[in-house]
Amino acid sequence: MYSLVTLRRKARRIGYVIHKGYQRYLSGNAIVRDEEGNPITGYCLVDLTDHTLVWGSYNEVFCYLYDLRDVEDFLKLRYAEENLKF
């Protein structure tokens, strides 16, 4: 798996930005916590062509849903669609 720094560079190259934060409820903006009360870290992707969040990194209830593996998989798919080497 690639580091966050590398993934951010690769994302920027094809027009995306990665934001790191805590999973949050969209209504009320409260932080989602695990069974032990720790906040859950997640990632959102922003498409720079229209400045919208990428579906999957958020849904109807939560944002910052992606983990680094999800980010990497999304970027690999986009690179393949653009016929670029990841």
C-alpha atoms as a PDB file:
ATOM      1  CA  MET A   1       0.000   0.000   0.000  1.00  0.00           C
ATOM      2  CA  TYR A   2       1.167   3.525  -0.785  1.00  0.00           C
ATOM      3  CA  SER A   3       1.732   6.254   1.800  1.00  0.00           C
ATOM      4  CA  LEU A   4      -0.681   9.140   2.219  1.00  0.00           C
ATOM      5  CA  VAL A   5       1.924  11.546   0.792  1.00  0.00           C
ATOM      6  CA  THR A   6       2.275   9.444  -2.369  1.00  0.00           C
ATOM      7  CA  LEU A   7      -1.475   9.019  -2.754  1.00  0.00           C
ATOM      8  CA  ARG A   8      -1.987  12.773  -2.384  1.00  0.00           C
ATOM      9  CA  ARG A   9       0.548  13.411  -5.143  1.00  0.00           C
ATOM     10  CA  LYS A  10      -1.059  10.825  -7.418  1.00  0.00           C
ATOM     11  CA  ALA A  11      -4.534  12.205  -6.699  1.00  0.00           C
ATOM     12  CA  ARG A  12      -3.495  15.780  -7.498  1.00  0.00           C
ATOM     13  CA  ARG A  13      -1.994  14.608 -10.799  1.00  0.00           C
ATOM     14  CA  ILE A  14      -5.431  13.532 -12.042  1.00  0.00           C
ATOM     15  CA  GLY A  15      -7.502  16.291 -10.463  1.00  0.00           C
ATOM     16  CA  TYR A  16      -8.405  15.066  -6.983  1.00  0.00           C
ATOM     17  CA  VAL A  17      -7.563  16.153  -3.446  1.00  0.00           C
ATOM     18  CA  ILE A  18      -7.506  13.841  -0.423  1.00  0.00           C
ATOM     19  CA  HIS A  19      -8.768  15.180   2.906  1.00  0.00           C
ATOM     20  CA  LYS A  20      -7.990  13.320   6.128  1.00  0.00           C
ATOM     21  CA  GLY A  21     -10.307  13.697   9.101  1.00  0.00           C
ATOM     22  CA  TYR A  22     -12.647  11.882  11.415  1.00  0.00           C
ATOM     23  CA  GLN A  23     -15.748  10.080  10.256  1.00  0.00           C
ATOM     24  CA  ARG A  24     -18.692  12.359  10.945  1.00  0.00           C
ATOM     25  CA  TYR A  25     -22.439  12.241  10.836  1.00  0.00           C
ATOM     26  CA  LEU A  26     -23.657  14.619   8.134  1.00  0.00           C
ATOM     27  CA  SER A  27     -26.508  15.821  10.307  1.00  0.00           C
ATOM     28  CA  GLY A  28     -25.160  17.494  13.400  1.00  0.00           C
ATOM     29  CA  ASN A  29     -21.520  16.977  12.359  1.00  0.00           C
ATOM     30  CA  ALA A  30     -20.833  14.720  15.387  1.00  0.00           C
ATOM     31  CA  ILE A  31     -17.724  12.516  15.243  1.00  0.00           C
ATOM     32  CA  VAL A  32     -18.247   8.750  14.875  1.00  0.00           C
ATOM     33  CA  ARG A  33     -16.467   6.726  17.545  1.00  0.00           C
ATOM     34  CA  ASP A  34     -15.494   3.077  17.846  1.00  0.00           C
ATOM     35  CA  GLU A  35     -16.481   0.725  20.694  1.00  0.00           C
ATOM     36  CA  GLU A  36     -13.749   2.179  22.914  1.00  0.00           C
ATOM     37  CA  GLY A  37     -14.763   5.775  22.324  1.00  0.00           C
ATOM     38  CA  ASN A  38     -11.912   6.624  19.949  1.00  0.00           C
ATOM     39  CA  PRO A  39     -12.687   8.753  16.883  1.00  0.00           C
ATOM     40  CA  ILE A  40     -12.462   6.871  13.592  1.00  0.00           C
ATOM     41  CA  THR A  41     -10.032   8.356  11.059  1.00  0.00           C
ATOM     42  CA  GLY A  42     -11.152   8.426   7.443  1.00  0.00           C
ATOM     43  CA  TYR A  43     -10.563  10.095   4.114  1.00  0.00           C
ATOM     44  CA  CYS A  44     -12.683  12.031   1.618  1.00  0.00           C
ATOM     45  CA  LEU A  45     -11.812  12.701  -1.990  1.00  0.00           C
ATOM     46  CA  VAL A  46     -12.691  15.956  -3.722  1.00  0.00           C
ATOM     47  CA  ASP A  47     -13.010  16.151  -7.501  1.00  0.00           C
ATOM     48  CA  LEU A  48     -11.324  19.417  -8.467  1.00  0.00           C
ATOM     49  CA  THR A  49     -13.230  19.730 -11.747  1.00  0.00           C
ATOM     50  CA  ASP A  50     -16.445  20.566  -9.897  1.00  0.00           C
ATOM     51  CA  HIS A  51     -15.263  20.717  -6.242  1.00  0.00           C
ATOM     52  CA  THR A  52     -17.592  17.946  -5.089  1.00  0.00           C
ATOM     53  CA  LEU A  53     -16.943  14.993  -2.810  1.00  0.00           C
ATOM     54  CA  VAL A  54     -16.533  11.621  -4.474  1.00  0.00           C
ATOM     55  CA  TRP A  55     -19.477   9.329  -3.732  1.00  0.00           C
ATOM     56  CA  GLY A  56     -18.289   6.432  -1.594  1.00  0.00           C
ATOM     57  CA  SER A  57     -16.040   8.616   0.513  1.00  0.00           C
ATOM     58  CA  TYR A  58     -19.355   9.837   1.928  1.00  0.00           C
ATOM     59  CA  ASN A  59     -22.954   8.607   1.825  1.00  0.00           C
ATOM     60  CA  GLU A  60     -26.366   9.781   3.046  1.00  0.00           C
ATOM     61  CA  VAL A  61     -25.323   9.497   6.704  1.00  0.00           C
ATOM     62  CA  PHE A  62     -21.525   9.794   7.077  1.00  0.00           C
ATOM     63  CA  CYS A  63     -18.483  11.479   5.539  1.00  0.00           C
ATOM     64  CA  TYR A  64     -14.800  10.488   5.621  1.00  0.00           C
ATOM     65  CA  LEU A  65     -15.717   6.852   4.971  1.00  0.00           C
ATOM     66  CA  TYR A  66     -12.695   5.802   2.917  1.00  0.00           C
ATOM     67  CA  ASP A  67      -9.606   4.216   4.416  1.00  0.00           C
ATOM     68  CA  LEU A  68      -6.264   4.415   2.591  1.00  0.00           C
ATOM     69  CA  ARG A  69      -6.939   1.154   0.734  1.00  0.00           C
ATOM     70  CA  ASP A  70     -10.209   2.599  -0.609  1.00  0.00           C
ATOM     71  CA  VAL A  71      -8.397   5.765  -1.713  1.00  0.00           C
ATOM     72  CA  GLU A  72      -5.727   3.730  -3.476  1.00  0.00           C
ATOM     73  CA  ASP A  73      -8.318   1.519  -5.207  1.00  0.00           C
ATOM     74  CA  PHE A  74     -10.285   4.558  -6.387  1.00  0.00           C
ATOM     75  CA  LEU A  75      -7.160   6.247  -7.765  1.00  0.00           C
ATOM     76  CA  LYS A  76      -5.995   3.074  -9.519  1.00  0.00           C
ATOM     77  CA  LEU A  77      -9.379   2.814 -11.213  1.00  0.00           C
ATOM     78  CA  ARG A  78      -9.257   6.454 -12.328  1.00  0.00           C
ATOM     79  CA  TYR A  79      -5.690   6.044 -13.609  1.00  0.00           C
ATOM     80  CA  ALA A  80      -6.761   2.979 -15.612  1.00  0.00           C
ATOM     81  CA  GLU A  81      -9.716   4.902 -17.081  1.00  0.00           C
ATOM     82  CA  GLU A  82      -7.295   7.643 -18.164  1.00  0.00           C
ATOM     83  CA  ASN A  83      -4.787   5.072 -19.529  1.00  0.00           C
ATOM     84  CA  LEU A  84      -2.111   6.350 -17.148  1.00  0.00           C
ATOM     85  CA  LYS A  85       0.485   4.309 -15.297  1.00  0.00           C
ATOM     86  CA  PHE A  86      -0.160   4.268 -11.552  1.00  0.00           C
END
